[in-house]
Amino acid sequence: MTALNATHDPKLRSWVASANEAGTDFPIQNLPFGRFRAAGSQEAFRIGVAIGDQVLDLKAAGLVDTDDMNALMSVSVKDRQALRASISAGLAEGSDKQAAWSKALLAQAAAEMTVPCRIGDYTDFYTGIHHATTIGKLFRPDQPLMPNYKWVPIGYHGRASSIRVSGQVFKRPQGQTKAPDAAEPSFGPSKRLDYELELGFVVARGNALGEPIAIGEAEDHLFGVTLLNDWSARDVQAWEYQPLGPFLSKSFASTLSQWIVTTEALAPFRAKFERPAGDPQPLPYLDSAANRESGALDITLEVLLQTEKMRAAGEAPVRLTRGNTTEAAYWTAAQLIAHHTVNGCNLQPGDLLGSGTLSGPKPDEAGSLIELTQGGKQPITLPNGEKRTFLEDGDTLVIRGYCERAGAVRIGLGEVSGTVV
């Protein structure tokens, strides 16, 4: 686990004025990584760090000698921390780097962003126990959770080809569906398109094939966290998922935020990992004193919706839900990495691990529409009078995340938005 240091000092301020504004996602204590270029240009994407409403070009500032984000992520933890310290010192008020680095800044509003790194492989887990229980009740009222759920982190191997950056516009997926009263399936566009509120954990250094990553070392292999919307066609999934799990119902689109918030930036926002009384404790390969003491992340997540009608009327997105990861996630990021590799599977820099839908215990903390509407039986009514059970064409879904705690400066994860057409 990363210890607090000078880069987390709440009194630290930046010569980039917007980084000192109250409520900013990107104060100097954050410094998340992404890939950018000037909007409208055809130049190669470069590695940048968000600071206030600007992005600092690390290569132009002389901090790195590569445009390869995956190569940067593969360096040692010591080198990673040293780079953060150098960025922080150079952006701090009174730094002698101000004159030179001012020329390496680009307004985020003038930047085109892409997926923060090359994603070689994608694994989606199912760590949200309240989501798993609610969904289980819809299909298996007598046994919402399968017997293995509290013992093993459930996951499946997805695909990376259709993962895109925030702002993604995608077509409504098509596939086979079967109504309960139908004799045979039919083919057509999904009528039960949903979002899934998730976090994405981005792998730093990998491991050699056949060499598991121990739970005590797992976080050394975690570069950081990003927001993830893993869109889901519920009607397609219901017909196809037995016995091997989702396929076409998930592979059409997933959307990531522009920024990876590093494990170092999240150090002030760690929380105890505690199992409810009576639940089984993790097996030894998934357990450690450090993971119990501070393995969880304290992140607030919000979901907002803007319909096409709202957009035409100039109305802002409305919040559907808000919850916190400490109540939602049954497994920590370190446990996911340890479990993923315990059989000898080799992870690589840039691999993405999805948390699965993160829903809290209360109805207004749900991480999907299928939960909010009880399987489509209870439509939600928006302030303008429109109703929704699932997403309709023209709907834009926005996920936001942030961390705040007494004694620490608030940091944000930015947002991830996507629109179905």
Protein backbone atom coordinates (compact mmCIF):
# COMPACT_ATOMS: atom_id res chain seq x y z
CA MET A 1 0.00 0.00 0.00
CA THR A 2 1.25 3.50 -0.83
CA ALA A 3 2.17 5.61 2.21
CA LEU A 4 1.20 9.26 2.41
CA ASN A 5 3.94 11.68 1.37
CA ALA A 6 4.50 15.28 0.31
CA THR A 7 2.42 14.84 -2.86
CA HIS A 8 -0.70 14.32 -0.70
CA ASP A 9 -0.19 17.44 1.46
CA PRO A 10 -3.61 19.20 1.70
CA LYS A 11 -1.81 22.57 1.82
CA LEU A 12 -0.08 21.98 -1.51
CA ARG A 13 -1.17 24.38 -4.26
CA SER A 14 -0.33 24.65 -7.96
CA TRP A 15 0.72 27.52 -10.19
CA VAL A 16 -2.02 26.24 -12.53
CA ALA A 17 -4.78 28.35 -11.02
CA SER A 18 -7.69 26.09 -12.00
CA ALA A 19 -6.16 23.26 -9.97
CA ASN A 20 -6.77 25.26 -6.80
CA GLU A 21 -10.47 25.87 -7.41
CA ALA A 22 -12.91 24.27 -4.99
CA GLY A 23 -14.59 21.17 -6.39
CA THR A 24 -12.11 20.52 -9.18
CA ASP A 25 -11.57 16.85 -10.01
CA PHE A 26 -7.90 17.44 -10.71
CA PRO A 27 -6.06 19.29 -7.95
CA ILE A 28 -2.31 18.84 -7.64
CA GLN A 29 -2.92 16.00 -5.16
CA ASN A 30 -4.51 13.89 -7.96
CA LEU A 31 -2.38 13.92 -11.16
CA PRO A 32 -4.18 11.20 -13.19
CA PHE A 33 -2.72 9.86 -16.45
CA GLY A 34 -4.26 9.78 -19.91
CA ARG A 35 -3.44 10.02 -23.62
CA PHE A 36 -4.23 13.14 -25.62
CA ARG A 37 -3.53 15.24 -28.68
CA ALA A 38 -4.71 18.64 -29.90
CA ALA A 39 -8.27 18.36 -31.17
CA GLY A 40 -8.43 18.24 -34.96
CA SER A 41 -4.81 17.22 -35.37
CA GLN A 42 -3.55 13.94 -36.80
CA GLU A 43 -0.51 13.76 -34.56
CA ALA A 44 0.20 10.74 -32.36
CA PHE A 45 -1.40 10.57 -28.95
CA ARG A 46 0.91 11.59 -26.11
CA ILE A 47 0.98 10.88 -22.40
CA GLY A 48 -0.54 13.62 -20.30
CA VAL A 49 -1.46 14.34 -16.70
CA ALA A 50 -4.59 16.29 -15.79
CA ILE A 51 -4.03 19.39 -13.66
CA GLY A 52 -7.05 21.61 -13.11
CA ASP A 53 -8.63 22.26 -16.51
CA GLN A 54 -5.31 21.66 -18.29
CA VAL A 55 -3.31 18.63 -19.39
CA LEU A 56 0.47 18.55 -18.99
CA ASP A 57 2.40 16.93 -21.83
CA LEU A 58 4.93 14.77 -19.95
CA LYS A 59 7.30 14.37 -22.88
CA ALA A 60 7.29 18.09 -23.69
CA ALA A 61 8.00 18.79 -20.02
CA GLY A 62 11.03 16.48 -20.15
CA LEU A 63 9.55 14.04 -17.66
CA VAL A 64 9.38 10.96 -19.92
CA ASP A 65 11.03 9.97 -23.20
CA THR A 66 8.16 7.88 -24.60
CA ASP A 67 4.61 8.20 -25.88
CA ASP A 68 3.93 4.57 -24.91
CA MET A 69 1.67 4.58 -21.86
CA ASN A 70 1.98 0.81 -21.42
CA ALA A 71 5.76 1.11 -21.22
CA LEU A 72 5.41 3.80 -18.57
CA MET A 73 3.03 1.62 -16.55
CA SER A 74 5.48 -1.28 -16.55
CA VAL A 75 8.19 0.53 -14.56
CA SER A 76 8.89 -0.29 -10.92
CA VAL A 77 6.79 1.11 -8.10
CA LYS A 78 9.81 3.14 -6.97
CA ASP A 79 10.17 4.75 -10.41
CA ARG A 80 6.42 5.36 -10.59
CA GLN A 81 6.47 7.16 -7.26
CA ALA A 82 9.53 9.16 -8.26
CA LEU A 83 7.75 10.36 -11.42
CA ARG A 84 4.73 11.45 -9.38
CA ALA A 85 7.00 13.35 -7.01
CA SER A 86 8.70 15.13 -9.94
CA ILE A 87 5.37 16.10 -11.54
CA SER A 88 4.04 17.36 -8.22
CA ALA A 89 7.13 19.41 -7.44
CA GLY A 90 7.19 20.96 -10.90
CA LEU A 91 3.51 21.96 -10.77
CA ALA A 92 3.64 23.33 -7.23
CA GLU A 93 3.47 27.04 -6.49
CA GLY A 94 6.93 28.59 -6.54
CA SER A 95 8.40 25.89 -8.79
CA ASP A 96 11.21 26.93 -11.11
CA LYS A 97 9.55 24.78 -13.80
CA GLN A 98 6.60 27.14 -14.29
CA ALA A 99 8.01 29.11 -17.22
CA ALA A 100 9.09 26.03 -19.17
CA TRP A 101 6.15 23.80 -18.30
CA SER A 102 3.58 26.47 -19.13
CA LYS A 103 4.48 25.78 -22.76
CA ALA A 104 3.70 22.06 -22.24
CA LEU A 105 0.10 22.70 -21.14
CA LEU A 106 -2.99 22.28 -23.29
CA ALA A 107 -6.52 23.14 -22.19
CA GLN A 108 -8.55 19.97 -21.77
CA ALA A 109 -11.33 21.66 -23.77
CA ALA A 110 -8.90 21.83 -26.72
CA ALA A 111 -7.71 18.23 -26.41
CA GLU A 112 -8.88 15.01 -28.02
CA MET A 113 -8.63 12.09 -25.62
CA THR A 114 -8.38 8.38 -26.33
CA VAL A 115 -8.45 5.20 -24.22
CA PRO A 116 -5.76 5.82 -21.57
CA CYS A 117 -3.62 2.84 -22.60
CA ARG A 118 -3.57 -0.14 -24.96
CA ILE A 119 -5.84 -2.76 -23.44
CA GLY A 120 -4.61 -6.20 -24.37
CA ASP A 121 -7.06 -8.25 -22.32
CA TYR A 122 -10.24 -7.52 -20.41
CA THR A 123 -11.69 -9.50 -17.53
CA ASP A 124 -15.02 -8.60 -15.98
CA PHE A 125 -15.62 -9.58 -12.36
CA TYR A 126 -18.81 -9.64 -10.29
CA THR A 127 -17.74 -8.00 -7.02
CA GLY A 128 -20.96 -6.06 -6.31
CA ILE A 129 -22.77 -8.26 -3.81
CA HIS A 130 -25.91 -6.11 -3.60
CA HIS A 131 -26.18 -6.13 -7.39
CA ALA A 132 -25.62 -9.88 -7.50
CA THR A 133 -28.27 -10.43 -4.81
CA THR A 134 -30.87 -8.19 -6.48
CA ILE A 135 -30.34 -9.76 -9.90
CA GLY A 136 -30.37 -13.20 -8.33
CA LYS A 137 -33.74 -12.51 -6.70
CA LEU A 138 -35.23 -11.65 -10.09
CA PHE A 139 -34.27 -15.03 -11.54
CA ARG A 140 -33.75 -17.29 -8.49
CA PRO A 141 -35.90 -16.00 -5.60
CA ASP A 142 -35.03 -19.02 -3.44
CA GLN A 143 -31.26 -18.78 -4.03
CA PRO A 144 -30.18 -15.26 -5.10
CA LEU A 145 -26.46 -15.96 -4.63
CA MET A 146 -24.85 -19.09 -5.96
CA PRO A 147 -22.95 -21.17 -3.34
CA ASN A 148 -19.52 -20.09 -4.66
CA TYR A 149 -20.13 -16.32 -4.56
CA LYS A 150 -18.71 -15.62 -1.09
CA TRP A 151 -15.72 -17.89 -1.63
CA VAL A 152 -14.36 -17.08 -5.08
CA PRO A 153 -14.21 -13.81 -7.10
CA ILE A 154 -16.51 -14.59 -10.04
CA GLY A 155 -15.29 -13.34 -13.42
CA TYR A 156 -15.22 -14.03 -17.13
CA HIS A 157 -12.83 -13.14 -19.92
CA GLY A 158 -14.29 -10.45 -22.18
CA ARG A 159 -12.91 -8.61 -25.19
CA ALA A 160 -10.93 -5.40 -25.58
CA SER A 161 -11.72 -4.55 -29.21
CA SER A 162 -14.90 -2.53 -28.52
CA ILE A 163 -13.70 -0.60 -25.46
CA ARG A 164 -13.76 3.13 -26.20
CA VAL A 165 -13.19 6.40 -24.38
CA SER A 166 -15.80 8.67 -22.78
CA GLY A 167 -18.03 10.37 -25.33
CA GLN A 168 -18.59 7.12 -27.21
CA VAL A 169 -21.65 6.95 -29.47
CA PHE A 170 -22.67 3.39 -30.32
CA LYS A 171 -25.46 1.65 -32.18
CA ARG A 172 -28.10 -0.32 -30.33
CA PRO A 173 -26.99 -3.96 -30.45
CA GLN A 174 -28.92 -6.70 -32.20
CA GLY A 175 -29.16 -10.34 -31.31
CA GLN A 176 -31.39 -13.26 -30.48
CA THR A 177 -33.98 -12.91 -27.73
CA LYS A 178 -36.74 -15.19 -26.52
CA ALA A 179 -39.87 -14.04 -24.75
CA PRO A 180 -41.08 -16.33 -21.93
CA ASP A 181 -44.26 -17.17 -23.82
CA ALA A 182 -42.59 -17.60 -27.22
CA ALA A 183 -42.07 -21.03 -28.78
CA GLU A 184 -38.80 -19.97 -30.41
CA PRO A 185 -36.37 -17.05 -30.37
CA SER A 186 -36.53 -14.00 -32.61
CA PHE A 187 -33.83 -11.69 -33.97
CA GLY A 188 -33.72 -7.90 -33.71
CA PRO A 189 -32.49 -4.89 -31.74
CA SER A 190 -32.24 -5.18 -27.97
CA LYS A 191 -35.25 -3.75 -26.14
CA ARG A 192 -33.69 -3.97 -22.68
CA LEU A 193 -30.45 -2.02 -23.06
CA ASP A 194 -28.85 -1.17 -19.74
CA TYR A 195 -25.76 0.42 -18.23
CA GLU A 196 -23.46 -1.10 -15.61
CA LEU A 197 -21.73 1.17 -13.11
CA GLU A 198 -18.21 -0.19 -12.66
CA LEU A 199 -14.63 0.65 -11.81
CA GLY A 200 -11.82 -0.47 -14.07
CA PHE A 201 -8.55 -1.61 -12.48
CA VAL A 202 -5.58 -1.14 -14.81
CA VAL A 203 -2.61 -3.49 -14.51
CA ALA A 204 0.89 -2.03 -14.20
CA ARG A 205 3.71 -4.57 -14.21
CA GLY A 206 2.70 -8.04 -15.32
CA ASN A 207 3.83 -11.46 -14.13
CA ALA A 208 5.54 -14.36 -15.84
CA LEU A 209 3.39 -17.21 -17.09
CA GLY A 210 3.09 -19.79 -14.35
CA GLU A 211 4.09 -17.37 -11.57
CA PRO A 212 1.10 -16.23 -9.47
CA ILE A 213 1.04 -12.79 -7.85
CA ALA A 214 0.76 -13.08 -4.07
CA ILE A 215 -1.91 -11.03 -2.32
CA GLY A 216 0.78 -9.05 -0.48
CA GLU A 217 2.35 -7.98 -3.77
CA ALA A 218 -0.81 -7.50 -5.81
CA GLU A 219 -1.09 -3.74 -5.46
CA ASP A 220 2.43 -3.32 -6.81
CA HIS A 221 0.91 -4.64 -10.05
CA LEU A 222 -2.01 -2.16 -10.02
CA PHE A 223 -1.39 1.13 -11.83
CA GLY A 224 -4.68 2.77 -11.01
CA VAL A 225 -8.44 3.06 -11.33
CA THR A 226 -10.74 4.38 -14.03
CA LEU A 227 -14.51 4.69 -14.44
CA LEU A 228 -16.14 1.99 -16.57
CA ASN A 229 -19.60 1.60 -18.08
CA ASP A 230 -19.97 -1.98 -19.26
CA TRP A 231 -23.18 -1.69 -21.29
CA SER A 232 -25.48 -4.70 -21.21
CA ALA A 233 -28.28 -5.99 -23.46
CA ARG A 234 -30.33 -7.74 -20.79
CA ASP A 235 -32.75 -9.51 -23.12
CA VAL A 236 -29.96 -10.90 -25.30
CA GLN A 237 -28.08 -11.98 -22.17
CA ALA A 238 -31.05 -13.80 -20.67
CA TRP A 239 -31.25 -16.08 -23.72
CA GLU A 240 -27.55 -16.65 -24.38
CA TYR A 241 -25.78 -16.73 -21.03
CA GLN A 242 -26.44 -20.33 -20.02
CA PRO A 243 -24.20 -22.27 -19.69
CA LEU A 244 -21.10 -20.22 -20.57
CA GLY A 245 -22.07 -16.66 -19.60
CA PRO A 246 -22.60 -13.42 -21.57
CA PHE A 247 -21.35 -13.03 -25.13
CA LEU A 248 -23.08 -10.72 -27.65
CA SER A 249 -24.97 -9.08 -24.79
CA LYS A 250 -21.73 -7.48 -23.56
CA SER A 251 -19.23 -7.37 -26.42
CA PHE A 252 -20.81 -4.55 -28.45
CA ALA A 253 -19.46 -1.67 -26.31
CA SER A 254 -17.74 -0.72 -23.07
CA THR A 255 -16.77 2.86 -22.23
CA LEU A 256 -13.86 4.13 -20.11
CA SER A 257 -13.16 7.55 -18.66
CA GLN A 258 -10.23 9.50 -20.08
CA TRP A 259 -8.10 9.31 -16.95
CA ILE A 260 -6.46 6.66 -14.78
CA VAL A 261 -6.28 7.81 -11.17
CA THR A 262 -3.18 6.16 -9.74
CA THR A 263 -2.98 4.01 -6.64
CA GLU A 264 -0.61 6.65 -5.24
CA ALA A 265 -3.27 9.37 -5.58
CA LEU A 266 -5.82 7.14 -3.85
CA ALA A 267 -3.62 6.57 -0.77
CA PRO A 268 -5.60 8.99 1.46
CA PHE A 269 -8.86 7.26 0.55
CA ARG A 270 -8.26 3.69 1.62
CA ALA A 271 -10.69 1.88 3.89
CA LYS A 272 -10.87 -1.29 5.94
CA PHE A 273 -11.97 -4.44 4.13
CA GLU A 274 -14.40 -6.17 6.44
CA ARG A 275 -16.74 -9.08 5.81
CA PRO A 276 -20.21 -9.06 7.39
CA ALA A 277 -20.55 -11.14 10.54
CA GLY A 278 -21.24 -14.74 9.67
CA ASP A 279 -19.77 -14.59 6.16
CA PRO A 280 -16.83 -16.87 5.35
CA GLN A 281 -13.41 -15.28 5.53
CA PRO A 282 -11.27 -15.34 2.34
CA LEU A 283 -9.04 -18.34 1.76
CA PRO A 284 -5.37 -17.68 2.68
CA TYR A 285 -4.27 -16.82 -0.88
CA LEU A 286 -6.90 -14.04 -0.88
CA ASP A 287 -6.16 -12.73 2.60
CA SER A 288 -3.53 -10.50 4.20
CA ALA A 289 -3.32 -8.11 7.13
CA ALA A 290 -2.70 -5.16 4.80
CA ASN A 291 -5.72 -6.03 2.65
CA ARG A 292 -7.93 -6.21 5.73
CA GLU A 293 -6.60 -2.94 7.10
CA SER A 294 -6.81 -0.79 3.95
CA GLY A 295 -7.63 -2.91 0.89
CA ALA A 296 -10.92 -1.16 0.10
CA LEU A 297 -11.33 2.11 -1.82
CA ASP A 298 -13.59 4.91 -0.58
CA ILE A 299 -15.03 6.28 -3.84
CA THR A 300 -18.40 7.93 -4.33
CA LEU A 301 -20.06 7.06 -7.65
CA GLU A 302 -22.96 8.84 -9.34
CA VAL A 303 -25.07 7.92 -12.37
CA LEU A 304 -26.84 10.57 -14.44
CA LEU A 305 -29.14 10.36 -17.46
CA GLN A 306 -29.85 12.87 -20.23
CA THR A 307 -32.50 11.96 -22.79
CA GLU A 308 -32.58 13.30 -26.33
CA LYS A 309 -35.60 15.44 -25.38
CA MET A 310 -33.73 16.90 -22.41
CA ARG A 311 -30.71 17.67 -24.57
CA ALA A 312 -32.87 19.45 -27.15
CA ALA A 313 -34.41 21.54 -24.38
CA GLY A 314 -30.99 22.45 -22.96
CA GLU A 315 -31.66 20.51 -19.76
CA ALA A 316 -28.73 19.06 -17.82
CA PRO A 317 -28.50 15.36 -17.00
CA VAL A 318 -30.42 14.24 -13.91
CA ARG A 319 -28.96 12.01 -11.24
CA LEU A 320 -30.42 8.53 -11.00
CA THR A 321 -28.30 7.09 -8.19
CA ARG A 322 -25.36 7.73 -5.89
CA GLY A 323 -23.45 5.21 -3.77
CA ASN A 324 -20.07 4.32 -2.32
CA THR A 325 -17.69 1.51 -3.23
CA THR A 326 -17.01 0.56 0.40
CA GLU A 327 -20.58 -0.72 0.67
CA ALA A 328 -20.78 -2.16 -2.83
CA ALA A 329 -17.68 -4.28 -3.45
CA TYR A 330 -17.32 -7.73 -1.86
CA TRP A 331 -13.74 -8.19 -3.13
CA THR A 332 -10.79 -5.78 -3.32
CA ALA A 333 -8.62 -5.01 -6.34
CA ALA A 334 -5.70 -6.87 -4.75
CA GLN A 335 -7.85 -9.98 -4.36
CA LEU A 336 -8.89 -9.82 -8.01
CA ILE A 337 -5.25 -9.70 -9.14
CA ALA A 338 -4.22 -12.50 -6.78
CA HIS A 339 -7.13 -14.69 -7.89
CA HIS A 340 -6.66 -13.95 -11.59
CA THR A 341 -3.07 -15.17 -11.46
CA VAL A 342 -3.26 -17.97 -8.88
CA ASN A 343 -3.54 -20.56 -11.66
CA GLY A 344 -0.45 -19.14 -13.37
CA CYS A 345 -2.25 -16.78 -15.76
CA ASN A 346 0.05 -13.96 -16.84
CA LEU A 347 -1.22 -10.39 -16.73
CA GLN A 348 0.36 -7.67 -18.87
CA PRO A 349 0.67 -3.88 -18.57
CA GLY A 350 -2.61 -2.31 -19.65
CA ASP A 351 -4.84 -5.29 -18.93
CA LEU A 352 -8.21 -4.15 -17.62
CA LEU A 353 -10.12 -5.77 -14.76
CA GLY A 354 -13.74 -4.65 -14.41
CA SER A 355 -15.21 -4.61 -10.91
CA GLY A 356 -18.66 -5.65 -12.04
CA THR A 357 -21.73 -3.57 -11.25
CA LEU A 358 -21.28 -1.63 -8.00
CA SER A 359 -24.65 -1.19 -6.29
CA GLY A 360 -25.21 -0.16 -2.70
CA PRO A 361 -27.74 -1.70 -0.31
CA LYS A 362 -30.38 1.01 -0.90
CA PRO A 363 -32.63 1.36 -3.99
CA ASP A 364 -31.17 4.80 -4.83
CA GLU A 365 -27.69 3.26 -4.91
CA ALA A 366 -28.40 0.81 -7.72
CA GLY A 367 -25.78 0.48 -10.45
CA SER A 368 -28.13 -0.51 -13.29
CA LEU A 369 -31.63 0.11 -14.62
CA ILE A 370 -32.64 -3.53 -14.23
CA GLU A 371 -32.30 -2.99 -10.48
CA LEU A 372 -33.85 0.48 -10.41
CA THR A 373 -36.93 -0.71 -12.32
CA GLN A 374 -37.17 -4.18 -10.77
CA GLY A 375 -36.57 -5.93 -14.03
CA GLY A 376 -38.55 -3.36 -16.03
CA LYS A 377 -41.71 -3.73 -13.89
CA GLN A 378 -41.48 -0.31 -12.20
CA PRO A 379 -40.60 2.50 -14.67
CA ILE A 380 -38.78 5.54 -13.30
CA THR A 381 -40.23 8.99 -14.04
CA LEU A 382 -37.79 11.76 -14.95
CA PRO A 383 -38.33 15.43 -13.96
CA ASN A 384 -39.59 16.29 -17.47
CA GLY A 385 -42.23 13.56 -17.29
CA GLU A 386 -40.47 11.00 -19.48
CA LYS A 387 -40.39 7.43 -18.23
CA ARG A 388 -37.69 4.81 -18.52
CA THR A 389 -37.43 1.11 -17.85
CA PHE A 390 -34.36 0.66 -20.05
CA LEU A 391 -32.33 2.98 -22.28
CA GLU A 392 -33.90 4.42 -25.41
CA ASP A 393 -32.23 5.75 -28.55
CA GLY A 394 -30.67 9.16 -27.97
CA ASP A 395 -30.13 8.59 -24.24
CA THR A 396 -26.78 9.66 -22.81
CA LEU A 397 -25.60 7.96 -19.63
CA VAL A 398 -22.98 9.69 -17.45
CA ILE A 399 -20.98 8.18 -14.59
CA ARG A 400 -18.97 10.37 -12.23
CA GLY A 401 -16.70 9.47 -9.35
CA TYR A 402 -14.83 11.29 -6.62
CA CYS A 403 -13.10 10.79 -3.27
CA GLU A 404 -13.45 13.10 -0.30
CA ARG A 405 -12.49 12.67 3.33
CA ALA A 406 -11.69 14.93 6.27
CA GLY A 407 -8.04 15.93 6.26
CA ALA A 408 -7.55 15.25 2.54
CA VAL A 409 -8.12 17.26 -0.62
CA ARG A 410 -11.05 16.03 -2.72
CA ILE A 411 -9.98 14.30 -5.94
CA GLY A 412 -12.13 13.18 -8.86
CA LEU A 413 -12.08 10.36 -11.36
CA GLY A 414 -13.62 12.60 -14.03
CA GLU A 415 -16.60 11.17 -15.86
CA VAL A 416 -17.50 8.60 -18.47
CA SER A 417 -20.35 9.26 -20.87
CA GLY A 418 -21.87 7.30 -23.74
CA THR A 419 -24.85 7.68 -26.06
CA VAL A 420 -26.93 4.97 -27.70
CA VAL A 421 -28.35 5.61 -31.19
